[in-house]
Structure formats: C-alpha cells, structure tokens
C-alpha cells in the first residue's frame, strides 16, 4: 500500500460549508473509495487550507476508476463551487516527495 498526500484550498468564507458537506459524504462514494482500494483517507483543515492523506493499493488505477465512477462524479460537482482552482481548473496539488516515514 502506498501513501499519498494532497494540498487543496476552499474559497474564503466556504470553510463551514466544506465541513458540513463532509459530515454527509455520499454513502455510495465511501463504498466506491473502498472498492478501488483506498484503505485510509483523511482531510485536515487549517483556515482555508486543506491537506489530505490517502493510503491506496494502486493510486493511478484507483484515480482512473474514480474518474468514471458516478458517485465520485456527483461528489466532485457538489464540491466544485467551494474549491479554489488553478488557472487550468485543477483543485488538487499532489505532493509526492515524501522525505520521512516511521511505521
């Protein structure tokens, strides 16, 4: 299993709505995450900054499958209005240069 870390941001003033929506994540999305091999997934918030940590068997395969998953597509649409994006509309910055890990 591999660990992956992501950085995102919600729009200023959307912090509470971001939390509220995550208190009611679609059950079919949770099932889809497990189905594609995600075993752990956490999101931490500091102001508008979001930091996510995921453990998944095969990240590229899981993301490809989730890209075609109806529950994930609905979730992405439902969250897009809250999220900061770059000039290309990308929400997530993948940070893949892990320099230390203690198991």
PDB file of N, CA and C in Angstrom:
ATOM      1  N   UNK A   1       0.840  -1.178   0.000  1.00  0.00           N
ATOM      2  CA  UNK A   1       0.000   0.000   0.000  1.00  0.00           C
ATOM      3  C   UNK A   1       0.883   1.238   0.000  1.00  0.00           C
ATOM      4  N   UNK A   2       0.489   2.221  -0.770  1.00  0.00           N
ATOM      5  CA  UNK A   2       1.258   3.458  -0.864  1.00  0.00           C
ATOM      6  C   UNK A   2       0.484   4.603  -0.216  1.00  0.00           C
ATOM      7  N   UNK A   3       1.240   5.543   0.345  1.00  0.00           N
ATOM      8  CA  UNK A   3       0.666   6.736   0.960  1.00  0.00           C
ATOM      9  C   UNK A   3       0.760   7.895  -0.018  1.00  0.00           C
ATOM     10  N   UNK A   4      -0.256   8.736  -0.033  1.00  0.00           N
ATOM     11  CA  UNK A   4      -0.272   9.895  -0.925  1.00  0.00           C
ATOM     12  C   UNK A   4      -0.781  11.100  -0.146  1.00  0.00           C
ATOM     13  N   UNK A   5      -0.203  12.250  -0.452  1.00  0.00           N
ATOM     14  CA  UNK A   5      -0.548  13.490   0.240  1.00  0.00           C
ATOM     15  C   UNK A   5      -0.958  14.531  -0.793  1.00  0.00           C
ATOM     16  N   UNK A   6      -1.976  15.304  -0.455  1.00  0.00           N
ATOM     17  CA  UNK A   6      -2.520  16.299  -1.375  1.00  0.00           C
ATOM     18  C   UNK A   6      -2.745  17.612  -0.637  1.00  0.00           C
ATOM     19  N   UNK A   7      -2.620  18.685  -1.366  1.00  0.00           N
ATOM     20  CA  UNK A   7      -2.922  20.010  -0.831  1.00  0.00           C
ATOM     21  C   UNK A   7      -4.027  20.615  -1.687  1.00  0.00           C
ATOM     22  N   UNK A   8      -5.013  21.189  -1.018  1.00  0.00           N
ATOM     23  CA  UNK A   8      -6.133  21.856  -1.688  1.00  0.00           C
ATOM     24  C   UNK A   8      -6.478  23.099  -0.878  1.00  0.00           C
ATOM     25  N   UNK A   9      -7.442  23.863  -1.345  1.00  0.00           N
ATOM     26  CA  UNK A   9      -7.934  25.006  -0.580  1.00  0.00           C
ATOM     27  C   UNK A   9      -9.391  25.238  -0.933  1.00  0.00           C
ATOM     28  N   UNK A  10     -10.157  25.580   0.087  1.00  0.00           N
ATOM     29  CA  UNK A  10     -11.527  26.005  -0.202  1.00  0.00           C
ATOM     30  C   UNK A  10     -11.525  27.535  -0.292  1.00  0.00           C
ATOM     31  N   UNK A  11     -12.543  28.054  -0.911  1.00  0.00           N
ATOM     32  CA  UNK A  11     -12.649  29.504  -1.066  1.00  0.00           C
ATOM     33  C   UNK A  11     -12.895  30.154   0.288  1.00  0.00           C
ATOM     34  N   UNK A  12     -12.329  31.326   0.506  1.00  0.00           N
ATOM     35  CA  UNK A  12     -12.584  32.041   1.764  1.00  0.00           C
ATOM     36  C   UNK A  12     -14.091  32.219   1.974  1.00  0.00           C
ATOM     37  N   UNK A  13     -14.528  31.950   3.196  1.00  0.00           N
ATOM     38  CA  UNK A  13     -15.939  32.047   3.531  1.00  0.00           C
ATOM     39  C   UNK A  13     -16.699  30.743   3.335  1.00  0.00           C
ATOM     40  N   UNK A  14     -16.052  29.745   2.751  1.00  0.00           N
ATOM     41  CA  UNK A  14     -16.699  28.450   2.487  1.00  0.00           C
ATOM     42  C   UNK A  14     -16.266  27.365   3.465  1.00  0.00           C
ATOM     43  N   UNK A  15     -15.494  27.710   4.456  1.00  0.00           N
ATOM     44  CA  UNK A  15     -14.930  26.713   5.358  1.00  0.00           C
ATOM     45  C   UNK A  15     -16.010  25.884   6.058  1.00  0.00           C
ATOM     46  N   UNK A  16     -17.002  26.547   6.619  1.00  0.00           N
ATOM     47  CA  UNK A  16     -18.039  25.811   7.353  1.00  0.00           C
ATOM     48  C   UNK A  16     -18.877  24.940   6.419  1.00  0.00           C
ATOM     49  N   UNK A  17     -19.143  25.418   5.228  1.00  0.00           N
ATOM     50  CA  UNK A  17     -19.901  24.605   4.269  1.00  0.00           C
ATOM     51  C   UNK A  17     -19.091  23.394   3.828  1.00  0.00           C
ATOM     52  N   UNK A  18     -17.782  23.569   3.692  1.00  0.00           N
ATOM     53  CA  UNK A  18     -16.914  22.446   3.344  1.00  0.00           C
ATOM     54  C   UNK A  18     -17.017  21.361   4.416  1.00  0.00           C
ATOM     55  N   UNK A  19     -16.924  21.769   5.675  1.00  0.00           N
ATOM     56  CA  UNK A  19     -17.032  20.819   6.784  1.00  0.00           C
ATOM     57  C   UNK A  19     -18.417  20.166   6.782  1.00  0.00           C
ATOM     58  N   UNK A  20     -19.447  20.967   6.612  1.00  0.00           N
ATOM     59  CA  UNK A  20     -20.825  20.451   6.623  1.00  0.00           C
ATOM     60  C   UNK A  20     -21.019  19.379   5.550  1.00  0.00           C
ATOM     61  N   UNK A  21     -20.534  19.630   4.353  1.00  0.00           N
ATOM     62  CA  UNK A  21     -20.702  18.646   3.279  1.00  0.00           C
ATOM     63  C   UNK A  21     -19.922  17.368   3.570  1.00  0.00           C
ATOM     64  N   UNK A  22     -18.785  17.488   4.239  1.00  0.00           N
ATOM     65  CA  UNK A  22     -18.015  16.289   4.567  1.00  0.00           C
ATOM     66  C   UNK A  22     -18.600  15.511   5.742  1.00  0.00           C
ATOM     67  N   UNK A  23     -19.495  16.125   6.460  1.00  0.00           N
ATOM     68  CA  UNK A  23     -20.213  15.392   7.506  1.00  0.00           C
ATOM     69  C   UNK A  23     -21.295  14.501   6.905  1.00  0.00           C
ATOM     70  N   UNK A  24     -21.559  14.672   5.608  1.00  0.00           N
ATOM     71  CA  UNK A  24     -22.604  13.898   4.929  1.00  0.00           C
ATOM     72  C   UNK A  24     -22.107  13.391   3.570  1.00  0.00           C
ATOM     73  N   UNK A  25     -20.907  12.810   3.558  1.00  0.00           N
ATOM     74  CA  UNK A  25     -20.359  12.257   2.314  1.00  0.00           C
ATOM     75  C   UNK A  25     -21.296  11.160   1.824  1.00  0.00           C
ATOM     76  N   UNK A  26     -21.517  11.133   0.522  1.00  0.00           N
ATOM     77  CA  UNK A  26     -22.416  10.148  -0.076  1.00  0.00           C
ATOM     78  C   UNK A  26     -21.978   8.730   0.303  1.00  0.00           C
ATOM     79  N   UNK A  27     -22.879   7.919   0.832  1.00  0.00           N
ATOM     80  CA  UNK A  27     -22.516   6.527   1.168  1.00  0.00           C
ATOM     81  C   UNK A  27     -21.988   5.745  -0.034  1.00  0.00           C
ATOM     82  N   UNK A  28     -22.542   5.998  -1.221  1.00  0.00           N
ATOM     83  CA  UNK A  28     -22.046   5.261  -2.392  1.00  0.00           C
ATOM     84  C   UNK A  28     -20.639   5.720  -2.775  1.00  0.00           C
ATOM     85  N   UNK A  29     -20.267   6.944  -2.443  1.00  0.00           N
ATOM     86  CA  UNK A  29     -18.893   7.390  -2.684  1.00  0.00           C
ATOM     87  C   UNK A  29     -17.934   6.691  -1.726  1.00  0.00           C
ATOM     88  N   UNK A  30     -18.324   6.586  -0.463  1.00  0.00           N
ATOM     89  CA  UNK A  30     -17.485   5.874   0.502  1.00  0.00           C
ATOM     90  C   UNK A  30     -17.261   4.428   0.052  1.00  0.00           C
ATOM     91  N   UNK A  31     -18.310   3.798  -0.442  1.00  0.00           N
ATOM     92  CA  UNK A  31     -18.188   2.425  -0.942  1.00  0.00           C
ATOM     93  C   UNK A  31     -17.266   2.376  -2.159  1.00  0.00           C
ATOM     94  N   UNK A  32     -17.368   3.366  -3.036  1.00  0.00           N
ATOM     95  CA  UNK A  32     -16.508   3.406  -4.218  1.00  0.00           C
ATOM     96  C   UNK A  32     -15.050   3.573  -3.838  1.00  0.00           C
ATOM     97  N   UNK A  33     -14.767   4.427  -2.853  1.00  0.00           N
ATOM     98  CA  UNK A  33     -13.384   4.610  -2.404  1.00  0.00           C
ATOM     99  C   UNK A  33     -12.801   3.286  -1.912  1.00  0.00           C
ATOM    100  N   UNK A  34     -13.568   2.562  -1.132  1.00  0.00           N
ATOM    101  CA  UNK A  34     -13.085   1.266  -0.644  1.00  0.00           C
ATOM    102  C   UNK A  34     -12.942   0.271  -1.792  1.00  0.00           C
ATOM    103  N   UNK A  35     -13.886   0.296  -2.725  1.00  0.00           N
ATOM    104  CA  UNK A  35     -13.861  -0.640  -3.851  1.00  0.00           C
ATOM    105  C   UNK A  35     -12.598  -0.475  -4.693  1.00  0.00           C
ATOM    106  N   UNK A  36     -12.121   0.756  -4.857  1.00  0.00           N
ATOM    107  CA  UNK A  36     -10.927   0.985  -5.683  1.00  0.00           C
ATOM    108  C   UNK A  36      -9.629   0.825  -4.900  1.00  0.00           C
ATOM    109  N   UNK A  37      -9.725   0.465  -3.617  1.00  0.00           N
ATOM    110  CA  UNK A  37      -8.529   0.152  -2.847  1.00  0.00           C
ATOM    111  C   UNK A  37      -8.071   1.188  -1.851  1.00  0.00           C
ATOM    112  N   UNK A  38      -8.867   2.231  -1.612  1.00  0.00           N
ATOM    113  CA  UNK A  38      -8.492   3.229  -0.605  1.00  0.00           C
ATOM    114  C   UNK A  38      -8.796   2.644   0.772  1.00  0.00           C
ATOM    115  N   UNK A  39      -7.776   2.550   1.613  1.00  0.00           N
ATOM    116  CA  UNK A  39      -7.990   1.975   2.942  1.00  0.00           C
ATOM    117  C   UNK A  39      -8.015   3.045   4.038  1.00  0.00           C
ATOM    118  N   UNK A  40      -7.363   4.159   3.804  1.00  0.00           N
ATOM    119  CA  UNK A  40      -7.367   5.277   4.750  1.00  0.00           C
ATOM    120  C   UNK A  40      -7.449   6.569   3.940  1.00  0.00           C
ATOM    121  N   UNK A  41      -8.236   7.511   4.443  1.00  0.00           N
ATOM    122  CA  UNK A  41      -8.333   8.803   3.763  1.00  0.00           C
ATOM    123  C   UNK A  41      -8.719   9.835   4.814  1.00  0.00           C
ATOM    124  N   UNK A  42      -7.862  10.805   5.018  1.00  0.00           N
ATOM    125  CA  UNK A  42      -8.109  11.871   5.985  1.00  0.00           C
ATOM    126  C   UNK A  42      -7.923  13.211   5.310  1.00  0.00           C
ATOM    127  N   UNK A  43      -8.719  14.193   5.737  1.00  0.00           N
ATOM    128  CA  UNK A  43      -8.536  15.574   5.287  1.00  0.00           C
ATOM    129  C   UNK A  43      -8.420  16.440   6.534  1.00  0.00           C
ATOM    130  N   UNK A  44      -7.374  17.250   6.580  1.00  0.00           N
ATOM    131  CA  UNK A  44      -7.147  18.181   7.679  1.00  0.00           C
ATOM    132  C   UNK A  44      -7.344  19.596   7.151  1.00  0.00           C
ATOM    133  N   UNK A  45      -7.889  20.472   7.989  1.00  0.00           N
ATOM    134  CA  UNK A  45      -8.176  21.844   7.574  1.00  0.00           C
ATOM    135  C   UNK A  45      -7.507  22.827   8.522  1.00  0.00           C
ATOM    136  N   UNK A  46      -6.880  23.848   7.927  1.00  0.00           N
ATOM    137  CA  UNK A  46      -6.339  24.971   8.689  1.00  0.00           C
ATOM    138  C   UNK A  46      -6.743  26.220   7.927  1.00  0.00           C
ATOM    139  N   UNK A  47      -7.745  26.916   8.433  1.00  0.00           N
ATOM    140  CA  UNK A  47      -8.298  28.056   7.690  1.00  0.00           C
ATOM    141  C   UNK A  47      -8.931  27.552   6.407  1.00  0.00           C
ATOM    142  N   UNK A  48      -8.469  28.068   5.287  1.00  0.00           N
ATOM    143  CA  UNK A  48      -8.977  27.593   4.005  1.00  0.00           C
ATOM    144  C   UNK A  48      -8.094  26.503   3.402  1.00  0.00           C
ATOM    145  N   UNK A  49      -6.960  26.239   4.028  1.00  0.00           N
ATOM    146  CA  UNK A  49      -6.033  25.230   3.509  1.00  0.00           C
ATOM    147  C   UNK A  49      -6.492  23.833   3.896  1.00  0.00           C
ATOM    148  N   UNK A  50      -6.421  22.915   2.944  1.00  0.00           N
ATOM    149  CA  UNK A  50      -6.838  21.528   3.144  1.00  0.00           C
ATOM    150  C   UNK A  50      -5.670  20.613   2.810  1.00  0.00           C
ATOM    151  N   UNK A  51      -5.441  19.653   3.683  1.00  0.00           N
ATOM    152  CA  UNK A  51      -4.364  18.689   3.497  1.00  0.00           C
ATOM    153  C   UNK A  51      -4.971  17.297   3.588  1.00  0.00           C
ATOM    154  N   UNK A  52      -4.786  16.497   2.564  1.00  0.00           N
ATOM    155  CA  UNK A  52      -5.386  15.174   2.532  1.00  0.00           C
ATOM    156  C   UNK A  52      -4.305  14.098   2.492  1.00  0.00           C
ATOM    157  N   UNK A  53      -4.600  13.007   3.156  1.00  0.00           N
ATOM    158  CA  UNK A  53      -3.697  11.861   3.245  1.00  0.00           C
ATOM    159  C   UNK A  53      -4.492  10.628   2.858  1.00  0.00           C
ATOM    160  N   UNK A  54      -3.959   9.842   1.931  1.00  0.00           N
ATOM    161  CA  UNK A  54      -4.658   8.661   1.436  1.00  0.00           C
ATOM    162  C   UNK A  54      -3.698   7.482   1.370  1.00  0.00           C
ATOM    163  N   UNK A  55      -4.197   6.325   1.757  1.00  0.00           N
ATOM    164  CA  UNK A  55      -3.468   5.074   1.571  1.00  0.00           C
ATOM    165  C   UNK A  55      -4.286   4.263   0.580  1.00  0.00           C
ATOM    166  N   UNK A  56      -3.622   3.845  -0.497  1.00  0.00           N
ATOM    167  CA  UNK A  56      -4.329   3.140  -1.567  1.00  0.00           C
ATOM    168  C   UNK A  56      -3.389   2.135  -2.225  1.00  0.00           C
ATOM    169  N   UNK A  57      -3.955   1.032  -2.666  1.00  0.00           N
ATOM    170  CA  UNK A  57      -3.165  -0.031  -3.299  1.00  0.00           C
ATOM    171  C   UNK A  57      -2.433   0.473  -4.540  1.00  0.00           C
ATOM    172  N   UNK A  58      -3.174   1.004  -5.497  1.00  0.00           N
ATOM    173  CA  UNK A  58      -2.621   1.460  -6.782  1.00  0.00           C
ATOM    174  C   UNK A  58      -3.267   2.807  -7.097  1.00  0.00           C
ATOM    175  N   UNK A  59      -2.564   3.894  -6.790  1.00  0.00           N
ATOM    176  CA  UNK A  59      -3.120   5.241  -6.909  1.00  0.00           C
ATOM    177  C   UNK A  59      -3.617   5.545  -8.322  1.00  0.00           C
ATOM    178  N   UNK A  60      -2.803   5.304  -9.332  1.00  0.00           N
ATOM    179  CA  UNK A  60      -3.198   5.644 -10.701  1.00  0.00           C
ATOM    180  C   UNK A  60      -4.444   4.878 -11.133  1.00  0.00           C
ATOM    181  N   UNK A  61      -4.485   3.600 -10.828  1.00  0.00           N
ATOM    182  CA  UNK A  61      -5.653   2.789 -11.178  1.00  0.00           C
ATOM    183  C   UNK A  61      -6.885   3.267 -10.411  1.00  0.00           C
ATOM    184  N   UNK A  62      -6.731   3.535  -9.118  1.00  0.00           N
ATOM    185  CA  UNK A  62      -7.853   3.994  -8.307  1.00  0.00           C
ATOM    186  C   UNK A  62      -8.413   5.314  -8.823  1.00  0.00           C
ATOM    187  N   UNK A  63      -7.529   6.262  -9.156  1.00  0.00           N
ATOM    188  CA  UNK A  63      -7.993   7.559  -9.652  1.00  0.00           C
ATOM    189  C   UNK A  63      -8.679   7.413 -11.010  1.00  0.00           C
ATOM    190  N   UNK A  64      -8.183   6.534 -11.855  1.00  0.00           N
ATOM    191  CA  UNK A  64      -8.828   6.297 -13.153  1.00  0.00           C
ATOM    192  C   UNK A  64     -10.229   5.728 -12.950  1.00  0.00           C
ATOM    193  N   UNK A  65     -10.353   4.765 -12.046  1.00  0.00           N
ATOM    194  CA  UNK A  65     -11.670   4.175 -11.781  1.00  0.00           C
ATOM    195  C   UNK A  65     -12.607   5.195 -11.159  1.00  0.00           C
ATOM    196  N   UNK A  66     -12.106   5.997 -10.230  1.00  0.00           N
ATOM    197  CA  UNK A  66     -12.957   7.013  -9.610  1.00  0.00           C
ATOM    198  C   UNK A  66     -13.383   8.083 -10.614  1.00  0.00           C
ATOM    199  N   UNK A  67     -12.526   8.355 -11.583  1.00  0.00           N
ATOM    200  CA  UNK A  67     -12.880   9.332 -12.609  1.00  0.00           C
ATOM    201  C   UNK A  67     -14.114   8.942 -13.393  1.00  0.00           C
ATOM    202  N   UNK A  68     -14.380   7.650 -13.491  1.00  0.00           N
ATOM    203  CA  UNK A  68     -15.551   7.145 -14.215  1.00  0.00           C
ATOM    204  C   UNK A  68     -16.684   6.732 -13.289  1.00  0.00           C
ATOM    205  N   UNK A  69     -16.506   6.914 -11.999  1.00  0.00           N
ATOM    206  CA  UNK A  69     -17.493   6.474 -11.022  1.00  0.00           C
ATOM    207  C   UNK A  69     -18.598   7.521 -10.846  1.00  0.00           C
ATOM    208  N   UNK A  70     -19.870   7.147 -11.039  1.00  0.00           N
ATOM    209  CA  UNK A  70     -20.961   8.126 -10.921  1.00  0.00           C
ATOM    210  C   UNK A  70     -21.038   8.812  -9.555  1.00  0.00           C
ATOM    211  N   UNK A  71     -20.786   8.080  -8.481  1.00  0.00           N
ATOM    212  CA  UNK A  71     -20.841   8.696  -7.149  1.00  0.00           C
ATOM    213  C   UNK A  71     -19.747   9.747  -7.001  1.00  0.00           C
ATOM    214  N   UNK A  72     -18.538   9.426  -7.457  1.00  0.00           N
ATOM    215  CA  UNK A  72     -17.448  10.391  -7.389  1.00  0.00           C
ATOM    216  C   UNK A  72     -17.729  11.597  -8.285  1.00  0.00           C
ATOM    217  N   UNK A  73     -18.268  11.373  -9.451  1.00  0.00           N
ATOM    218  CA  UNK A  73     -18.596  12.491 -10.349  1.00  0.00           C
ATOM    219  C   UNK A  73     -19.609  13.422  -9.702  1.00  0.00           C
ATOM    220  N   UNK A  74     -20.639  12.859  -9.049  1.00  0.00           N
ATOM    221  CA  UNK A  74     -21.632  13.697  -8.351  1.00  0.00           C
ATOM    222  C   UNK A  74     -20.975  14.475  -7.217  1.00  0.00           C
ATOM    223  N   UNK A  75     -20.084  13.808  -6.475  1.00  0.00           N
ATOM    224  CA  UNK A  75     -19.403  14.466  -5.361  1.00  0.00           C
ATOM    225  C   UNK A  75     -18.543  15.623  -5.859  1.00  0.00           C
ATOM    226  N   UNK A  76     -17.787  15.396  -6.919  1.00  0.00           N
ATOM    227  CA  UNK A  76     -16.920  16.441  -7.451  1.00  0.00           C
ATOM    228  C   UNK A  76     -17.733  17.657  -7.881  1.00  0.00           C
ATOM    229  N   UNK A  77     -18.855  17.417  -8.540  1.00  0.00           N
ATOM    230  CA  UNK A  77     -19.733  18.523  -8.955  1.00  0.00           C
ATOM    231  C   UNK A  77     -20.269  19.255  -7.728  1.00  0.00           C
ATOM    232  N   UNK A  78     -20.643  18.500  -6.695  1.00  0.00           N
ATOM    233  CA  UNK A  78     -21.224  19.119  -5.497  1.00  0.00           C
ATOM    234  C   UNK A  78     -20.209  19.935  -4.696  1.00  0.00           C
ATOM    235  N   UNK A  79     -18.919  19.645  -4.853  1.00  0.00           N
ATOM    236  CA  UNK A  79     -17.895  20.352  -4.092  1.00  0.00           C
ATOM    237  C   UNK A  79     -17.210  21.472  -4.878  1.00  0.00           C
ATOM    238  N   UNK A  80     -17.318  21.459  -6.180  1.00  0.00           N
ATOM    239  CA  UNK A  80     -16.540  22.359  -7.033  1.00  0.00           C
ATOM    240  C   UNK A  80     -16.742  23.836  -6.686  1.00  0.00           C
ATOM    241  N   UNK A  81     -17.963  24.214  -6.325  1.00  0.00           N
ATOM    242  CA  UNK A  81     -18.235  25.623  -6.040  1.00  0.00           C
ATOM    243  C   UNK A  81     -17.515  26.131  -4.794  1.00  0.00           C
ATOM    244  N   UNK A  82     -17.062  25.233  -3.946  1.00  0.00           N
ATOM    245  CA  UNK A  82     -16.377  25.627  -2.714  1.00  0.00           C
ATOM    246  C   UNK A  82     -14.866  25.704  -2.849  1.00  0.00           C
ATOM    247  N   UNK A  83     -14.342  25.154  -3.932  1.00  0.00           N
ATOM    248  CA  UNK A  83     -12.907  24.916  -4.032  1.00  0.00           C
ATOM    249  C   UNK A  83     -12.169  25.957  -4.858  1.00  0.00           C
ATOM    250  N   UNK A  84     -10.954  26.284  -4.400  1.00  0.00           N
ATOM    251  CA  UNK A  84     -10.044  27.105  -5.183  1.00  0.00           C
ATOM    252  C   UNK A  84      -9.480  26.232  -6.305  1.00  0.00           C
ATOM    253  N   UNK A  85      -9.232  26.832  -7.450  1.00  0.00           N
ATOM    254  CA  UNK A  85      -8.635  26.109  -8.570  1.00  0.00           C
ATOM    255  C   UNK A  85      -7.472  26.916  -9.132  1.00  0.00           C
ATOM    256  N   UNK A  86      -6.596  26.214  -9.848  1.00  0.00           N
ATOM    257  CA  UNK A  86      -5.549  26.943 -10.542  1.00  0.00           C
ATOM    258  C   UNK A  86      -6.088  27.440 -11.879  1.00  0.00           C
ATOM    259  N   UNK A  87      -5.231  28.028 -12.693  1.00  0.00           N
ATOM    260  CA  UNK A  87      -5.673  28.613 -13.966  1.00  0.00           C
ATOM    261  C   UNK A  87      -6.234  27.572 -14.933  1.00  0.00           C
ATOM    262  N   UNK A  88      -5.968  26.279 -14.676  1.00  0.00           N
ATOM    263  CA  UNK A  88      -6.486  25.205 -15.527  1.00  0.00           C
ATOM    264  C   UNK A  88      -7.703  24.516 -14.920  1.00  0.00           C
ATOM    265  N   UNK A  89      -8.205  25.036 -13.817  1.00  0.00           N
ATOM    266  CA  UNK A  89      -9.360  24.432 -13.159  1.00  0.00           C
ATOM    267  C   UNK A  89      -9.013  23.256 -12.262  1.00  0.00           C
ATOM    268  N   UNK A  90      -7.723  23.055 -11.999  1.00  0.00           N
ATOM    269  CA  UNK A  90      -7.283  21.928 -11.170  1.00  0.00           C
ATOM    270  C   UNK A  90      -7.412  22.307  -9.695  1.00  0.00           C
ATOM    271  N   UNK A  91      -7.977  21.401  -8.919  1.00  0.00           N
ATOM    272  CA  UNK A  91      -8.208  21.633  -7.494  1.00  0.00           C
ATOM    273  C   UNK A  91      -7.075  21.094  -6.639  1.00  0.00           C
ATOM    274  N   UNK A  92      -6.548  19.939  -6.993  1.00  0.00           N
ATOM    275  CA  UNK A  92      -5.632  19.195  -6.133  1.00  0.00           C
ATOM    276  C   UNK A  92      -4.184  19.344  -6.568  1.00  0.00           C
ATOM    277  N   UNK A  93      -3.329  19.630  -5.604  1.00  0.00           N
ATOM    278  CA  UNK A  93      -1.882  19.578  -5.825  1.00  0.00           C
ATOM    279  C   UNK A  93      -1.378  18.313  -5.144  1.00  0.00           C
ATOM    280  N   UNK A  94      -0.845  17.397  -5.923  1.00  0.00           N
ATOM    281  CA  UNK A  94      -0.300  16.156  -5.378  1.00  0.00           C
ATOM    282  C   UNK A  94       1.128  16.422  -4.913  1.00  0.00           C
ATOM    283  N   UNK A  95       1.407  16.056  -3.678  1.00  0.00           N
ATOM    284  CA  UNK A  95       2.740  16.231  -3.120  1.00  0.00           C
ATOM    285  C   UNK A  95       3.324  14.837  -2.929  1.00  0.00           C
ATOM    286  N   UNK A  96       4.296  14.497  -3.747  1.00  0.00           N
ATOM    287  CA  UNK A  96       4.774  13.122  -3.765  1.00  0.00           C
ATOM    288  C   UNK A  96       6.235  12.956  -3.367  1.00  0.00           C
ATOM    289  N   UNK A  97       6.807  13.956  -2.726  1.00  0.00           N
ATOM    290  CA  UNK A  97       8.212  13.840  -2.334  1.00  0.00           C
ATOM    291  C   UNK A  97       8.341  13.577  -0.843  1.00  0.00           C
ATOM    292  N   UNK A  98       7.841  12.402  -0.409  1.00  0.00           N
ATOM    293  CA  UNK A  98       7.926  12.024   0.994  1.00  0.00           C
ATOM    294  C   UNK A  98       9.407  11.903   1.382  1.00  0.00           C
ATOM    295  N   UNK A  99       9.765  12.551   2.481  1.00  0.00           N
ATOM    296  CA  UNK A  99      11.172  12.522   2.900  1.00  0.00           C
ATOM    297  C   UNK A  99      11.371  11.750   4.215  1.00  0.00           C
ATOM    298  N   UNK A 100      10.283  11.401   4.897  1.00  0.00           N
ATOM    299  CA  UNK A 100      10.415  10.632   6.125  1.00  0.00           C
ATOM    300  C   UNK A 100       9.125   9.913   6.424  1.00  0.00           C
ATOM    301  N   UNK A 101       9.238   8.694   6.919  1.00  0.00           N
ATOM    302  CA  UNK A 101       8.074   7.905   7.326  1.00  0.00           C
ATOM    303  C   UNK A 101       8.506   6.942   8.430  1.00  0.00           C
ATOM    304  N   UNK A 102       7.753   6.887   9.502  1.00  0.00           N
ATOM    305  CA  UNK A 102       8.007   5.958  10.588  1.00  0.00           C
ATOM    306  C   UNK A 102       6.804   5.051  10.722  1.00  0.00           C
ATOM    307  N   UNK A 103       6.990   3.774  10.572  1.00  0.00           N
ATOM    308  CA  UNK A 103       5.882   2.814  10.691  1.00  0.00           C
ATOM    309  C   UNK A 103       5.938   2.122  12.034  1.00  0.00           C
TER     310      UNK A 103
END
